[in-house]
């Protein structure tokens, strides 16, 4: 939306300089070690973003996520794990504890990020973007639980969403990744 110049209200509208984020590449996140990481480094890749937790009934999905990552990473695919403690306190640990858990229990090698909030008043801007029905009408909506998955195409736009119960190694996830990698 534009607005008129303050000294000449009848002048032509000035376009707001605030950019609308249409892709994940505009976000910079803290990785699990606390380093700033621009998601722009994933430009041109197919990316699966997952909110994860270490003490959830779905935590074994880490195994399927790692298998998926190893299967497709050499074809331009990445998984980004975002620990979140939004659901019944199922991710209570520090970033260091989460990193150790993922490494030791599930041999996770895909990129993990610092713990964030994926819902509520303190929701991280990345998840505001992912869940906003205005910017993401087809796949927007609240995160219902741990291990919600957003598939992002090579152009940075969301192309699929999988609810927590959908296992990473399931046929719908594999088919969507295969199609996006073509």
C-alpha atoms as a PDB file:
ATOM      1  CA  UNK A   1       0.000   0.000   0.000  1.00  0.00           C
ATOM      2  CA  UNK A   2       1.191   3.466  -0.751  1.00  0.00           C
ATOM      3  CA  UNK A   3       0.788   6.682   1.168  1.00  0.00           C
ATOM      4  CA  UNK A   4       0.795  10.326   0.146  1.00  0.00           C
ATOM      5  CA  UNK A   5       3.852  12.497   0.727  1.00  0.00           C
ATOM      6  CA  UNK A   6       3.394  14.264   4.124  1.00  0.00           C
ATOM      7  CA  UNK A   7       4.090  17.774   2.729  1.00  0.00           C
ATOM      8  CA  UNK A   8       1.771  17.299  -0.235  1.00  0.00           C
ATOM      9  CA  UNK A   9      -1.130  15.010   0.691  1.00  0.00           C
ATOM     10  CA  UNK A  10      -2.548  15.186  -2.859  1.00  0.00           C
ATOM     11  CA  UNK A  11       0.672  13.915  -4.442  1.00  0.00           C
ATOM     12  CA  UNK A  12       0.973  10.479  -5.982  1.00  0.00           C
ATOM     13  CA  UNK A  13       1.339   7.637  -3.508  1.00  0.00           C
ATOM     14  CA  UNK A  14       4.840   6.665  -2.455  1.00  0.00           C
ATOM     15  CA  UNK A  15       5.418   2.940  -2.367  1.00  0.00           C
ATOM     16  CA  UNK A  16       6.505   1.704   1.042  1.00  0.00           C
ATOM     17  CA  UNK A  17      10.153   0.694   1.183  1.00  0.00           C
ATOM     18  CA  UNK A  18       9.410  -2.188   3.532  1.00  0.00           C
ATOM     19  CA  UNK A  19       9.964  -5.363   1.559  1.00  0.00           C
ATOM     20  CA  UNK A  20       7.475  -8.181   1.738  1.00  0.00           C
ATOM     21  CA  UNK A  21       9.369 -11.395   2.316  1.00  0.00           C
ATOM     22  CA  UNK A  22       8.501 -13.848  -0.444  1.00  0.00           C
ATOM     23  CA  UNK A  23      11.224 -16.364   0.197  1.00  0.00           C
ATOM     24  CA  UNK A  24      13.139 -17.935   3.050  1.00  0.00           C
ATOM     25  CA  UNK A  25      16.434 -16.510   1.757  1.00  0.00           C
ATOM     26  CA  UNK A  26      15.774 -13.141   3.383  1.00  0.00           C
ATOM     27  CA  UNK A  27      16.147 -14.620   6.894  1.00  0.00           C
ATOM     28  CA  UNK A  28      19.299 -14.891   8.977  1.00  0.00           C
ATOM     29  CA  UNK A  29      19.160 -17.433  11.786  1.00  0.00           C
ATOM     30  CA  UNK A  30      21.458 -18.484  14.618  1.00  0.00           C
ATOM     31  CA  UNK A  31      22.813 -21.974  14.033  1.00  0.00           C
ATOM     32  CA  UNK A  32      23.013 -24.492  16.884  1.00  0.00           C
ATOM     33  CA  UNK A  33      26.466 -23.085  17.755  1.00  0.00           C
ATOM     34  CA  UNK A  34      25.136 -19.502  17.943  1.00  0.00           C
ATOM     35  CA  UNK A  35      26.617 -18.279  14.651  1.00  0.00           C
ATOM     36  CA  UNK A  36      24.569 -16.070  12.319  1.00  0.00           C
ATOM     37  CA  UNK A  37      23.605 -18.083   9.261  1.00  0.00           C
ATOM     38  CA  UNK A  38      21.924 -16.547   6.236  1.00  0.00           C
ATOM     39  CA  UNK A  39      19.364 -18.841   4.680  1.00  0.00           C
ATOM     40  CA  UNK A  40      20.434 -17.273   1.357  1.00  0.00           C
ATOM     41  CA  UNK A  41      23.128 -19.965   1.226  1.00  0.00           C
ATOM     42  CA  UNK A  42      20.315 -22.426   0.404  1.00  0.00           C
ATOM     43  CA  UNK A  43      19.236 -20.485  -2.690  1.00  0.00           C
ATOM     44  CA  UNK A  44      18.759 -22.917  -5.567  1.00  0.00           C
ATOM     45  CA  UNK A  45      18.300 -25.914  -3.253  1.00  0.00           C
ATOM     46  CA  UNK A  46      15.201 -27.792  -2.198  1.00  0.00           C
ATOM     47  CA  UNK A  47      14.869 -27.344   1.569  1.00  0.00           C
ATOM     48  CA  UNK A  48      12.783 -29.093   4.234  1.00  0.00           C
ATOM     49  CA  UNK A  49      12.286 -26.940   7.351  1.00  0.00           C
ATOM     50  CA  UNK A  50      11.250 -28.892  10.445  1.00  0.00           C
ATOM     51  CA  UNK A  51      10.465 -27.794  13.998  1.00  0.00           C
ATOM     52  CA  UNK A  52      12.009 -30.514  16.157  1.00  0.00           C
ATOM     53  CA  UNK A  53      12.001 -31.645  19.789  1.00  0.00           C
ATOM     54  CA  UNK A  54      14.077 -34.155  21.756  1.00  0.00           C
ATOM     55  CA  UNK A  55      11.468 -35.442  24.217  1.00  0.00           C
ATOM     56  CA  UNK A  56       8.480 -36.027  21.960  1.00  0.00           C
ATOM     57  CA  UNK A  57       6.783 -39.218  20.821  1.00  0.00           C
ATOM     58  CA  UNK A  58       7.760 -38.135  17.291  1.00  0.00           C
ATOM     59  CA  UNK A  59      11.457 -37.635  18.150  1.00  0.00           C
ATOM     60  CA  UNK A  60      12.394 -40.877  16.318  1.00  0.00           C
ATOM     61  CA  UNK A  61      11.607 -38.931  13.122  1.00  0.00           C
ATOM     62  CA  UNK A  62      15.170 -37.617  13.447  1.00  0.00           C
ATOM     63  CA  UNK A  63      16.236 -40.999  12.046  1.00  0.00           C
ATOM     64  CA  UNK A  64      13.998 -40.644   8.992  1.00  0.00           C
ATOM     65  CA  UNK A  65      15.068 -37.041   8.492  1.00  0.00           C
ATOM     66  CA  UNK A  66      18.731 -38.047   8.538  1.00  0.00           C
ATOM     67  CA  UNK A  67      18.076 -40.856   6.019  1.00  0.00           C
ATOM     68  CA  UNK A  68      16.245 -38.401   3.762  1.00  0.00           C
ATOM     69  CA  UNK A  69      19.086 -35.901   4.032  1.00  0.00           C
ATOM     70  CA  UNK A  70      21.737 -38.490   3.183  1.00  0.00           C
ATOM     71  CA  UNK A  71      19.684 -39.766   0.234  1.00  0.00           C
ATOM     72  CA  UNK A  72      19.188 -36.362  -1.434  1.00  0.00           C
ATOM     73  CA  UNK A  73      21.881 -33.977  -0.149  1.00  0.00           C
ATOM     74  CA  UNK A  74      24.165 -34.551  -3.155  1.00  0.00           C
ATOM     75  CA  UNK A  75      21.292 -33.597  -5.473  1.00  0.00           C
ATOM     76  CA  UNK A  76      20.766 -30.127  -3.977  1.00  0.00           C
ATOM     77  CA  UNK A  77      18.594 -30.919  -0.956  1.00  0.00           C
ATOM     78  CA  UNK A  78      18.904 -29.704   2.625  1.00  0.00           C
ATOM     79  CA  UNK A  79      17.032 -30.219   5.867  1.00  0.00           C
ATOM     80  CA  UNK A  80      17.028 -27.424   8.433  1.00  0.00           C
ATOM     81  CA  UNK A  81      16.093 -28.403  11.994  1.00  0.00           C
ATOM     82  CA  UNK A  82      14.617 -25.769  14.307  1.00  0.00           C
ATOM     83  CA  UNK A  83      14.319 -26.927  17.926  1.00  0.00           C
ATOM     84  CA  UNK A  84      11.243 -25.473  19.626  1.00  0.00           C
ATOM     85  CA  UNK A  85       9.869 -25.873  23.141  1.00  0.00           C
ATOM     86  CA  UNK A  86       6.303 -24.825  22.299  1.00  0.00           C
ATOM     87  CA  UNK A  87       4.555 -28.126  22.909  1.00  0.00           C
ATOM     88  CA  UNK A  88       4.366 -29.464  26.460  1.00  0.00           C
ATOM     89  CA  UNK A  89       7.987 -28.543  27.207  1.00  0.00           C
ATOM     90  CA  UNK A  90       9.321 -31.279  24.916  1.00  0.00           C
ATOM     91  CA  UNK A  91      12.508 -29.378  23.997  1.00  0.00           C
ATOM     92  CA  UNK A  92      13.758 -28.105  27.375  1.00  0.00           C
ATOM     93  CA  UNK A  93      17.501 -28.353  26.718  1.00  0.00           C
ATOM     94  CA  UNK A  94      20.091 -25.764  25.825  1.00  0.00           C
ATOM     95  CA  UNK A  95      21.404 -25.570  22.261  1.00  0.00           C
ATOM     96  CA  UNK A  96      24.490 -27.506  23.353  1.00  0.00           C
ATOM     97  CA  UNK A  97      22.374 -30.247  24.958  1.00  0.00           C
ATOM     98  CA  UNK A  98      20.187 -30.453  21.852  1.00  0.00           C
ATOM     99  CA  UNK A  99      23.241 -30.682  19.591  1.00  0.00           C
ATOM    100  CA  UNK A 100      24.748 -33.468  21.720  1.00  0.00           C
ATOM    101  CA  UNK A 101      21.455 -35.367  21.824  1.00  0.00           C
ATOM    102  CA  UNK A 102      20.994 -35.169  18.044  1.00  0.00           C
ATOM    103  CA  UNK A 103      24.588 -36.187  17.348  1.00  0.00           C
ATOM    104  CA  UNK A 104      24.834 -39.030  19.848  1.00  0.00           C
ATOM    105  CA  UNK A 105      21.328 -40.517  19.631  1.00  0.00           C
ATOM    106  CA  UNK A 106      20.486 -39.995  15.935  1.00  0.00           C
ATOM    107  CA  UNK A 107      23.794 -39.124  14.212  1.00  0.00           C
ATOM    108  CA  UNK A 108      22.203 -35.969  12.795  1.00  0.00           C
ATOM    109  CA  UNK A 109      24.404 -34.331  10.165  1.00  0.00           C
ATOM    110  CA  UNK A 110      21.882 -31.926   8.615  1.00  0.00           C
ATOM    111  CA  UNK A 111      22.029 -28.283   9.766  1.00  0.00           C
ATOM    112  CA  UNK A 112      20.477 -27.578  13.154  1.00  0.00           C
ATOM    113  CA  UNK A 113      19.634 -24.127  14.445  1.00  0.00           C
ATOM    114  CA  UNK A 114      19.310 -22.420  17.793  1.00  0.00           C
ATOM    115  CA  UNK A 115      16.068 -23.021  19.667  1.00  0.00           C
ATOM    116  CA  UNK A 116      13.252 -20.703  18.577  1.00  0.00           C
ATOM    117  CA  UNK A 117       9.525 -20.316  19.148  1.00  0.00           C
ATOM    118  CA  UNK A 118       7.241 -21.537  16.347  1.00  0.00           C
ATOM    119  CA  UNK A 119       3.955 -20.206  17.757  1.00  0.00           C
ATOM    120  CA  UNK A 120       2.578 -17.627  20.157  1.00  0.00           C
ATOM    121  CA  UNK A 121       3.553 -14.051  20.943  1.00  0.00           C
ATOM    122  CA  UNK A 122       7.276 -14.796  20.699  1.00  0.00           C
ATOM    123  CA  UNK A 123       7.055 -16.672  17.377  1.00  0.00           C
ATOM    124  CA  UNK A 124      10.219 -16.268  15.315  1.00  0.00           C
ATOM    125  CA  UNK A 125       9.737 -14.150  12.135  1.00  0.00           C
ATOM    126  CA  UNK A 126      10.686 -17.140   9.945  1.00  0.00           C
ATOM    127  CA  UNK A 127       7.780 -19.116  11.349  1.00  0.00           C
ATOM    128  CA  UNK A 128       5.489 -16.076  11.099  1.00  0.00           C
ATOM    129  CA  UNK A 129       6.325 -16.093   7.392  1.00  0.00           C
ATOM    130  CA  UNK A 130       5.873 -19.862   7.016  1.00  0.00           C
ATOM    131  CA  UNK A 131       2.498 -19.927   8.803  1.00  0.00           C
ATOM    132  CA  UNK A 132       1.014 -16.622   7.589  1.00  0.00           C
ATOM    133  CA  UNK A 133      -2.012 -17.286   5.386  1.00  0.00           C
ATOM    134  CA  UNK A 134      -1.548 -13.867   3.746  1.00  0.00           C
ATOM    135  CA  UNK A 135       1.946 -14.671   2.465  1.00  0.00           C
ATOM    136  CA  UNK A 136       1.417 -18.421   2.281  1.00  0.00           C
ATOM    137  CA  UNK A 137      -2.294 -18.989   1.486  1.00  0.00           C
ATOM    138  CA  UNK A 138      -1.956 -22.608   0.389  1.00  0.00           C
ATOM    139  CA  UNK A 139       0.211 -23.889   3.247  1.00  0.00           C
ATOM    140  CA  UNK A 140      -0.240 -21.305   6.028  1.00  0.00           C
ATOM    141  CA  UNK A 141      -1.795 -22.011   9.402  1.00  0.00           C
ATOM    142  CA  UNK A 142      -0.675 -22.650  12.941  1.00  0.00           C
ATOM    143  CA  UNK A 143       1.992 -25.185  13.820  1.00  0.00           C
ATOM    144  CA  UNK A 144       0.082 -27.909  15.650  1.00  0.00           C
ATOM    145  CA  UNK A 145       2.956 -29.958  17.087  1.00  0.00           C
ATOM    146  CA  UNK A 146       6.620 -30.883  16.807  1.00  0.00           C
ATOM    147  CA  UNK A 147       7.956 -32.169  13.468  1.00  0.00           C
ATOM    148  CA  UNK A 148       5.798 -30.041  11.176  1.00  0.00           C
ATOM    149  CA  UNK A 149       7.549 -29.968   7.791  1.00  0.00           C
ATOM    150  CA  UNK A 150       7.631 -27.222   5.140  1.00  0.00           C
ATOM    151  CA  UNK A 151       9.134 -28.088   1.750  1.00  0.00           C
ATOM    152  CA  UNK A 152      10.635 -25.111  -0.057  1.00  0.00           C
ATOM    153  CA  UNK A 153      11.474 -25.182  -3.763  1.00  0.00           C
ATOM    154  CA  UNK A 154      14.644 -23.969  -5.440  1.00  0.00           C
ATOM    155  CA  UNK A 155      13.082 -20.496  -5.806  1.00  0.00           C
ATOM    156  CA  UNK A 156      12.592 -20.128  -2.036  1.00  0.00           C
ATOM    157  CA  UNK A 157       8.818 -20.521  -2.105  1.00  0.00           C
ATOM    158  CA  UNK A 158       6.868 -23.056  -0.056  1.00  0.00           C
ATOM    159  CA  UNK A 159       5.642 -25.903  -2.245  1.00  0.00           C
ATOM    160  CA  UNK A 160       4.348 -28.417   0.315  1.00  0.00           C
ATOM    161  CA  UNK A 161       3.563 -28.831   3.989  1.00  0.00           C
ATOM    162  CA  UNK A 162       3.459 -32.082   5.909  1.00  0.00           C
ATOM    163  CA  UNK A 163       1.837 -32.398   9.304  1.00  0.00           C
ATOM    164  CA  UNK A 164       3.792 -33.903  12.212  1.00  0.00           C
ATOM    165  CA  UNK A 165       2.416 -37.429  11.831  1.00  0.00           C
ATOM    166  CA  UNK A 166       3.698 -37.690   8.242  1.00  0.00           C
ATOM    167  CA  UNK A 167       7.004 -39.512   8.514  1.00  0.00           C
ATOM    168  CA  UNK A 168       9.959 -38.076   6.607  1.00  0.00           C
ATOM    169  CA  UNK A 169      10.553 -41.411   4.848  1.00  0.00           C
ATOM    170  CA  UNK A 170       6.905 -41.638   3.692  1.00  0.00           C
ATOM    171  CA  UNK A 171       6.000 -41.789   0.024  1.00  0.00           C
ATOM    172  CA  UNK A 172       4.314 -38.339  -0.146  1.00  0.00           C
ATOM    173  CA  UNK A 173       7.430 -36.617   1.240  1.00  0.00           C
ATOM    174  CA  UNK A 174       9.791 -38.529  -1.068  1.00  0.00           C
ATOM    175  CA  UNK A 175       7.624 -37.841  -4.117  1.00  0.00           C
ATOM    176  CA  UNK A 176       7.421 -34.116  -3.335  1.00  0.00           C
ATOM    177  CA  UNK A 177      11.207 -33.905  -2.926  1.00  0.00           C
ATOM    178  CA  UNK A 178      11.847 -35.865  -6.149  1.00  0.00           C
ATOM    179  CA  UNK A 179       9.477 -33.578  -8.077  1.00  0.00           C
ATOM    180  CA  UNK A 180      11.104 -30.429  -6.633  1.00  0.00           C
ATOM    181  CA  UNK A 181      14.611 -31.654  -7.484  1.00  0.00           C
ATOM    182  CA  UNK A 182      13.762 -32.218 -11.168  1.00  0.00           C
END
